[in-house]
Amino acid sequence: MSRPGRRGCCTLLHLKEDNARFMLLAIVMCVYMAAGAGIFMVLEADNERVERADYEQLYRKFMDSNPAVNESQLQELLQRHALADAAGIVGDKRPRWDFSGSFYFVGTVVSTIGKYNSFAFSIFPCDNLFLGPST
């Protein structure tokens, strides 16, 4: 007859049930994310290679047909153009920080950050007047 009490992997690892569940969840999430990363890598790697080869071919074709262009100056121009395009200031795009874009940003910040319960009394005691007591 076996000893009474808890048995299994939780006792072997000296973990309580809640900690064991958390560890299992963390392991499952890591495996799930690794599988997802592997799938995306397999699906997108060929497309990335093709796009890179197309770009390099276009770049070489441009440099061959325009030998007077300084390659380092062209690289700097292309880098600055890429940064400007990412910032949304190239072409006739609408401004990113117009009212609707700013409103969307503020809504995202407010909905994701939330109230700071643990600091309401200790760091900012006057916030309790507006936020109410932390729960």
N, C-alpha and C. Protein backbone atom coordinates (compact mmCIF):
# COMPACT_ATOMS: atom_id res chain seq x y z
N MET A 1 0.83 -1.17 0.00
CA MET A 1 0.00 0.00 0.00
C MET A 1 0.88 1.24 0.00
N SER A 2 0.51 2.25 -0.81
CA SER A 2 1.34 3.45 -0.93
C SER A 2 1.05 4.42 0.21
N ARG A 3 1.95 5.35 0.36
CA ARG A 3 1.80 6.36 1.42
C ARG A 3 0.64 7.29 1.10
N PRO A 4 -0.09 7.69 2.12
CA PRO A 4 -1.16 8.66 1.87
C PRO A 4 -0.55 10.04 1.57
N GLY A 5 -1.29 10.86 0.88
CA GLY A 5 -0.81 12.20 0.56
C GLY A 5 -0.73 12.40 -0.94
N ARG A 6 -0.11 13.47 -1.31
CA ARG A 6 -0.04 13.82 -2.73
C ARG A 6 1.04 13.02 -3.43
N ARG A 7 0.76 12.70 -4.68
CA ARG A 7 1.73 11.98 -5.50
C ARG A 7 1.77 12.65 -6.85
N GLY A 8 2.76 12.33 -7.62
CA GLY A 8 2.84 12.84 -8.98
C GLY A 8 4.01 13.79 -9.16
N CYS A 9 4.00 14.43 -10.32
CA CYS A 9 5.13 15.30 -10.66
C CYS A 9 5.19 16.54 -9.79
N CYS A 10 4.06 16.99 -9.24
CA CYS A 10 4.07 18.18 -8.39
C CYS A 10 4.89 17.95 -7.14
N THR A 11 4.77 16.76 -6.53
CA THR A 11 5.54 16.48 -5.33
C THR A 11 6.99 16.21 -5.66
N LEU A 12 7.26 15.60 -6.80
CA LEU A 12 8.64 15.35 -7.18
C LEU A 12 9.40 16.66 -7.41
N LEU A 13 8.74 17.65 -7.96
CA LEU A 13 9.38 18.94 -8.23
C LEU A 13 9.17 19.94 -7.10
N HIS A 14 8.49 19.53 -6.05
CA HIS A 14 8.18 20.38 -4.91
C HIS A 14 7.42 21.63 -5.34
N LEU A 15 6.39 21.44 -6.16
CA LEU A 15 5.55 22.54 -6.64
C LEU A 15 4.15 22.37 -6.09
N LYS A 16 3.54 23.49 -5.77
CA LYS A 16 2.13 23.44 -5.43
C LYS A 16 1.34 23.36 -6.72
N GLU A 17 0.08 23.00 -6.62
CA GLU A 17 -0.74 22.77 -7.81
C GLU A 17 -0.86 24.03 -8.67
N ASP A 18 -1.04 25.20 -8.06
CA ASP A 18 -1.16 26.44 -8.83
C ASP A 18 0.13 26.74 -9.59
N ASN A 19 1.27 26.53 -8.93
CA ASN A 19 2.55 26.77 -9.59
C ASN A 19 2.77 25.78 -10.73
N ALA A 20 2.37 24.54 -10.52
CA ALA A 20 2.52 23.54 -11.57
C ALA A 20 1.64 23.88 -12.77
N ARG A 21 0.43 24.35 -12.53
CA ARG A 21 -0.44 24.76 -13.64
C ARG A 21 0.15 25.94 -14.39
N PHE A 22 0.71 26.90 -13.66
CA PHE A 22 1.33 28.04 -14.31
C PHE A 22 2.52 27.60 -15.17
N MET A 23 3.34 26.71 -14.62
CA MET A 23 4.50 26.21 -15.38
C MET A 23 4.03 25.47 -16.63
N LEU A 24 3.00 24.65 -16.51
CA LEU A 24 2.47 23.93 -17.66
C LEU A 24 1.94 24.90 -18.71
N LEU A 25 1.21 25.92 -18.27
CA LEU A 25 0.71 26.93 -19.19
C LEU A 25 1.85 27.65 -19.89
N ALA A 26 2.90 28.01 -19.15
CA ALA A 26 4.05 28.69 -19.75
C ALA A 26 4.73 27.80 -20.78
N ILE A 27 4.87 26.52 -20.47
CA ILE A 27 5.50 25.59 -21.42
C ILE A 27 4.64 25.43 -22.67
N VAL A 28 3.33 25.27 -22.49
CA VAL A 28 2.43 25.13 -23.64
C VAL A 28 2.47 26.39 -24.50
N MET A 29 2.48 27.57 -23.87
CA MET A 29 2.54 28.82 -24.64
C MET A 29 3.84 28.93 -25.42
N CYS A 30 4.95 28.56 -24.81
CA CYS A 30 6.25 28.61 -25.51
C CYS A 30 6.27 27.65 -26.69
N VAL A 31 5.75 26.45 -26.51
CA VAL A 31 5.69 25.48 -27.61
C VAL A 31 4.77 25.99 -28.71
N TYR A 32 3.63 26.54 -28.34
CA TYR A 32 2.67 27.10 -29.30
C TYR A 32 3.30 28.24 -30.11
N MET A 33 4.01 29.13 -29.42
CA MET A 33 4.65 30.25 -30.10
C MET A 33 5.79 29.77 -30.99
N ALA A 34 6.56 28.79 -30.54
CA ALA A 34 7.64 28.26 -31.36
C ALA A 34 7.09 27.58 -32.61
N ALA A 35 5.99 26.85 -32.46
CA ALA A 35 5.36 26.21 -33.63
C ALA A 35 4.85 27.27 -34.60
N GLY A 36 4.22 28.32 -34.09
CA GLY A 36 3.75 29.40 -34.95
C GLY A 36 4.89 30.09 -35.67
N ALA A 37 5.98 30.35 -34.96
CA ALA A 37 7.14 30.98 -35.59
C ALA A 37 7.72 30.08 -36.68
N GLY A 38 7.77 28.79 -36.43
CA GLY A 38 8.26 27.86 -37.45
C GLY A 38 7.38 27.84 -38.68
N ILE A 39 6.07 27.85 -38.47
CA ILE A 39 5.14 27.84 -39.60
C ILE A 39 5.29 29.11 -40.43
N PHE A 40 5.34 30.28 -39.76
CA PHE A 40 5.51 31.53 -40.50
C PHE A 40 6.85 31.57 -41.22
N MET A 41 7.90 31.04 -40.60
CA MET A 41 9.20 31.03 -41.24
C MET A 41 9.15 30.20 -42.53
N VAL A 42 8.52 29.04 -42.46
CA VAL A 42 8.42 28.18 -43.65
C VAL A 42 7.58 28.85 -44.73
N LEU A 43 6.47 29.47 -44.34
CA LEU A 43 5.57 30.09 -45.32
C LEU A 43 6.17 31.33 -45.96
N GLU A 44 6.93 32.12 -45.22
CA GLU A 44 7.38 33.42 -45.72
C GLU A 44 8.82 33.44 -46.23
N ALA A 45 9.62 32.44 -45.95
CA ALA A 45 11.04 32.48 -46.31
C ALA A 45 11.24 32.56 -47.83
N ASP A 46 10.51 31.76 -48.58
CA ASP A 46 10.67 31.78 -50.04
C ASP A 46 10.25 33.12 -50.63
N ASN A 47 9.15 33.66 -50.15
CA ASN A 47 8.68 34.95 -50.63
C ASN A 47 9.71 36.04 -50.34
N GLU A 48 10.32 36.00 -49.17
CA GLU A 48 11.33 36.99 -48.82
C GLU A 48 12.55 36.88 -49.74
N ARG A 49 12.97 35.66 -50.04
CA ARG A 49 14.10 35.46 -50.95
C ARG A 49 13.80 36.01 -52.34
N VAL A 50 12.59 35.74 -52.84
CA VAL A 50 12.19 36.23 -54.16
C VAL A 50 12.15 37.75 -54.19
N GLU A 51 11.56 38.35 -53.16
CA GLU A 51 11.50 39.81 -53.10
C GLU A 51 12.88 40.43 -53.01
N ARG A 52 13.77 39.82 -52.24
CA ARG A 52 15.14 40.33 -52.13
C ARG A 52 15.86 40.24 -53.47
N ALA A 53 15.71 39.13 -54.16
CA ALA A 53 16.35 38.97 -55.48
C ALA A 53 15.78 39.97 -56.48
N ASP A 54 14.46 40.20 -56.45
CA ASP A 54 13.85 41.19 -57.35
C ASP A 54 14.39 42.59 -57.07
N TYR A 55 14.51 42.93 -55.80
CA TYR A 55 15.03 44.25 -55.44
C TYR A 55 16.48 44.40 -55.88
N GLU A 56 17.29 43.40 -55.61
CA GLU A 56 18.70 43.48 -55.99
C GLU A 56 18.86 43.57 -57.50
N GLN A 57 18.02 42.86 -58.25
CA GLN A 57 18.06 42.93 -59.71
C GLN A 57 17.67 44.34 -60.18
N LEU A 58 16.63 44.90 -59.61
CA LEU A 58 16.20 46.25 -59.97
C LEU A 58 17.29 47.27 -59.62
N TYR A 59 17.92 47.12 -58.46
CA TYR A 59 18.99 48.02 -58.03
C TYR A 59 20.18 47.95 -58.99
N ARG A 60 20.60 46.72 -59.33
CA ARG A 60 21.73 46.55 -60.26
C ARG A 60 21.38 47.12 -61.63
N LYS A 61 20.17 46.90 -62.09
CA LYS A 61 19.74 47.43 -63.40
C LYS A 61 19.80 48.95 -63.39
N PHE A 62 19.34 49.57 -62.31
CA PHE A 62 19.39 51.02 -62.20
C PHE A 62 20.84 51.51 -62.19
N MET A 63 21.70 50.87 -61.40
CA MET A 63 23.10 51.30 -61.31
C MET A 63 23.82 51.10 -62.64
N ASP A 64 23.51 50.03 -63.37
CA ASP A 64 24.14 49.80 -64.67
C ASP A 64 23.70 50.83 -65.71
N SER A 65 22.44 51.23 -65.66
CA SER A 65 21.94 52.20 -66.65
C SER A 65 22.24 53.64 -66.25
N ASN A 66 22.69 53.88 -65.02
CA ASN A 66 23.04 55.22 -64.54
C ASN A 66 24.41 55.20 -63.87
N PRO A 67 25.48 55.06 -64.65
CA PRO A 67 26.81 54.93 -64.04
C PRO A 67 27.28 56.21 -63.35
N ALA A 68 26.68 57.35 -63.64
CA ALA A 68 27.11 58.60 -63.02
C ALA A 68 26.62 58.74 -61.58
N VAL A 69 25.69 57.90 -61.16
CA VAL A 69 25.13 58.00 -59.81
C VAL A 69 26.12 57.44 -58.80
N ASN A 70 26.37 58.21 -57.74
CA ASN A 70 27.25 57.77 -56.67
C ASN A 70 26.48 56.76 -55.81
N GLU A 71 27.02 55.57 -55.66
CA GLU A 71 26.30 54.49 -54.97
C GLU A 71 26.08 54.80 -53.49
N SER A 72 27.05 55.39 -52.81
CA SER A 72 26.88 55.69 -51.38
C SER A 72 25.82 56.77 -51.18
N GLN A 73 25.78 57.77 -52.06
CA GLN A 73 24.74 58.80 -51.96
C GLN A 73 23.36 58.21 -52.24
N LEU A 74 23.29 57.29 -53.20
CA LEU A 74 22.02 56.63 -53.49
C LEU A 74 21.56 55.81 -52.29
N GLN A 75 22.49 55.10 -51.64
CA GLN A 75 22.13 54.31 -50.46
C GLN A 75 21.58 55.21 -49.35
N GLU A 76 22.22 56.36 -49.13
CA GLU A 76 21.74 57.29 -48.11
C GLU A 76 20.35 57.81 -48.46
N LEU A 77 20.15 58.16 -49.73
CA LEU A 77 18.84 58.63 -50.17
C LEU A 77 17.77 57.56 -49.97
N LEU A 78 18.09 56.32 -50.32
CA LEU A 78 17.12 55.23 -50.16
C LEU A 78 16.80 54.98 -48.69
N GLN A 79 17.80 55.06 -47.83
CA GLN A 79 17.56 54.86 -46.39
C GLN A 79 16.67 55.96 -45.83
N ARG A 80 16.95 57.20 -46.21
CA ARG A 80 16.12 58.31 -45.73
C ARG A 80 14.71 58.23 -46.29
N HIS A 81 14.59 57.78 -47.53
CA HIS A 81 13.26 57.62 -48.13
C HIS A 81 12.48 56.53 -47.39
N ALA A 82 13.15 55.44 -47.05
CA ALA A 82 12.47 54.36 -46.32
C ALA A 82 11.99 54.85 -44.95
N LEU A 83 12.82 55.63 -44.25
CA LEU A 83 12.42 56.17 -42.95
C LEU A 83 11.25 57.15 -43.10
N ALA A 84 11.31 57.99 -44.12
CA ALA A 84 10.23 58.95 -44.35
C ALA A 84 8.94 58.23 -44.73
N ASP A 85 9.05 57.18 -45.51
CA ASP A 85 7.86 56.41 -45.90
C ASP A 85 7.25 55.71 -44.69
N ALA A 86 8.11 55.16 -43.83
CA ALA A 86 7.61 54.52 -42.61
C ALA A 86 6.94 55.53 -41.68
N ALA A 87 7.43 56.77 -41.69
CA ALA A 87 6.83 57.82 -40.87
C ALA A 87 5.56 58.39 -41.49
N GLY A 88 5.29 58.02 -42.74
CA GLY A 88 4.06 58.46 -43.40
C GLY A 88 4.12 59.85 -43.99
N ILE A 89 5.33 60.35 -44.28
CA ILE A 89 5.45 61.71 -44.81
C ILE A 89 5.83 61.74 -46.28
N VAL A 90 5.84 60.60 -46.95
CA VAL A 90 6.15 60.54 -48.37
C VAL A 90 4.85 60.44 -49.16
N GLY A 91 4.76 61.21 -50.22
CA GLY A 91 3.58 61.14 -51.08
C GLY A 91 2.41 61.92 -50.52
N ASP A 92 1.24 61.58 -51.00
CA ASP A 92 0.04 62.32 -50.60
C ASP A 92 -0.80 61.55 -49.59
N LYS A 93 -0.14 60.84 -48.68
CA LYS A 93 -0.85 60.13 -47.62
C LYS A 93 -1.40 61.15 -46.62
N ARG A 94 -2.47 60.78 -45.95
CA ARG A 94 -3.00 61.66 -44.92
C ARG A 94 -2.02 61.66 -43.75
N PRO A 95 -1.97 62.76 -42.99
CA PRO A 95 -1.05 62.81 -41.84
C PRO A 95 -1.40 61.74 -40.81
N ARG A 96 -0.37 61.14 -40.21
CA ARG A 96 -0.61 60.11 -39.21
C ARG A 96 -1.12 60.70 -37.91
N TRP A 97 -0.73 61.92 -37.61
CA TRP A 97 -1.10 62.52 -36.33
C TRP A 97 -2.18 63.58 -36.50
N ASP A 98 -3.11 63.34 -37.41
CA ASP A 98 -4.29 64.20 -37.46
C ASP A 98 -5.19 63.80 -36.28
N PHE A 99 -6.36 64.41 -36.17
CA PHE A 99 -7.20 64.16 -34.99
C PHE A 99 -7.61 62.70 -34.88
N SER A 100 -8.01 62.08 -35.99
CA SER A 100 -8.47 60.69 -35.90
C SER A 100 -7.33 59.75 -35.53
N GLY A 101 -6.14 59.97 -36.08
CA GLY A 101 -4.99 59.14 -35.72
C GLY A 101 -4.60 59.32 -34.27
N SER A 102 -4.61 60.57 -33.80
CA SER A 102 -4.29 60.85 -32.40
C SER A 102 -5.34 60.25 -31.47
N PHE A 103 -6.61 60.34 -31.86
CA PHE A 103 -7.69 59.78 -31.05
C PHE A 103 -7.55 58.26 -30.95
N TYR A 104 -7.21 57.61 -32.06
CA TYR A 104 -6.99 56.17 -32.05
C TYR A 104 -5.85 55.81 -31.10
N PHE A 105 -4.75 56.56 -31.16
CA PHE A 105 -3.60 56.30 -30.30
C PHE A 105 -3.99 56.43 -28.83
N VAL A 106 -4.68 57.51 -28.48
CA VAL A 106 -5.09 57.72 -27.09
C VAL A 106 -6.03 56.61 -26.64
N GLY A 107 -6.95 56.19 -27.50
CA GLY A 107 -7.85 55.09 -27.15
C GLY A 107 -7.10 53.80 -26.90
N THR A 108 -6.08 53.54 -27.70
CA THR A 108 -5.27 52.34 -27.52
C THR A 108 -4.52 52.40 -26.20
N VAL A 109 -3.92 53.54 -25.89
CA VAL A 109 -3.18 53.69 -24.64
C VAL A 109 -4.11 53.52 -23.44
N VAL A 110 -5.25 54.18 -23.46
CA VAL A 110 -6.18 54.11 -22.33
C VAL A 110 -6.71 52.70 -22.14
N SER A 111 -7.00 52.00 -23.22
CA SER A 111 -7.59 50.67 -23.09
C SER A 111 -6.58 49.60 -22.72
N THR A 112 -5.30 49.80 -23.00
CA THR A 112 -4.32 48.76 -22.70
C THR A 112 -3.58 48.97 -21.40
N ILE A 113 -3.36 50.21 -21.01
CA ILE A 113 -2.57 50.44 -19.80
C ILE A 113 -3.42 50.28 -18.55
N GLY A 114 -4.54 50.94 -18.48
CA GLY A 114 -5.43 50.78 -17.33
C GLY A 114 -4.97 51.54 -16.11
N LYS A 115 -5.63 51.26 -15.00
CA LYS A 115 -5.38 51.95 -13.74
C LYS A 115 -4.24 51.28 -13.00
N TYR A 116 -3.41 52.06 -12.36
CA TYR A 116 -2.28 51.53 -11.62
C TYR A 116 -2.67 51.34 -10.16
N ASN A 117 -3.28 50.21 -9.83
CA ASN A 117 -3.81 49.96 -8.49
C ASN A 117 -2.74 49.95 -7.41
N SER A 118 -1.59 49.36 -7.67
CA SER A 118 -0.61 49.18 -6.61
C SER A 118 0.08 50.48 -6.22
N PHE A 119 0.03 51.50 -7.07
CA PHE A 119 0.73 52.74 -6.76
C PHE A 119 -0.20 53.88 -6.33
N ALA A 120 -1.49 53.67 -6.33
CA ALA A 120 -2.44 54.76 -6.10
C ALA A 120 -2.25 55.42 -4.74
N PHE A 121 -1.98 54.66 -3.71
CA PHE A 121 -1.86 55.25 -2.38
C PHE A 121 -0.43 55.68 -2.07
N SER A 122 0.56 54.92 -2.51
CA SER A 122 1.92 55.19 -2.08
C SER A 122 2.59 56.35 -2.81
N ILE A 123 2.49 56.41 -4.11
CA ILE A 123 3.22 57.42 -4.86
C ILE A 123 2.38 58.66 -5.12
N PHE A 124 1.13 58.47 -5.49
CA PHE A 124 0.27 59.59 -5.85
C PHE A 124 -0.96 59.64 -4.93
N PRO A 125 -0.81 60.10 -3.70
CA PRO A 125 -1.96 60.09 -2.80
C PRO A 125 -3.10 60.99 -3.26
N CYS A 126 -2.81 62.05 -4.01
CA CYS A 126 -3.88 62.95 -4.44
C CYS A 126 -4.72 62.33 -5.55
N ASP A 127 -4.24 61.29 -6.22
CA ASP A 127 -5.02 60.64 -7.27
C ASP A 127 -6.27 59.96 -6.72
N ASN A 128 -6.27 59.64 -5.43
CA ASN A 128 -7.44 58.98 -4.85
C ASN A 128 -8.67 59.87 -4.90
N LEU A 129 -8.45 61.17 -4.98
CA LEU A 129 -9.59 62.09 -5.09
C LEU A 129 -10.32 61.89 -6.41
N PHE A 130 -9.56 61.54 -7.46
CA PHE A 130 -10.15 61.41 -8.79
C PHE A 130 -10.44 59.97 -9.17
N LEU A 131 -9.56 59.07 -8.78
CA LEU A 131 -9.69 57.68 -9.20
C LEU A 131 -10.49 56.83 -8.22
N GLY A 132 -10.57 57.27 -6.99
CA GLY A 132 -11.21 56.47 -5.97
C GLY A 132 -10.20 55.52 -5.37
N PRO A 133 -10.55 54.85 -4.30
CA PRO A 133 -9.60 53.94 -3.66
C PRO A 133 -9.31 52.74 -4.55
N SER A 134 -8.09 52.27 -4.47
CA SER A 134 -7.73 51.10 -5.27
C SER A 134 -8.32 49.86 -4.63
N THR A 135 -8.69 48.91 -5.48
CA THR A 135 -9.33 47.70 -4.96
C THR A 135 -8.42 46.52 -5.12
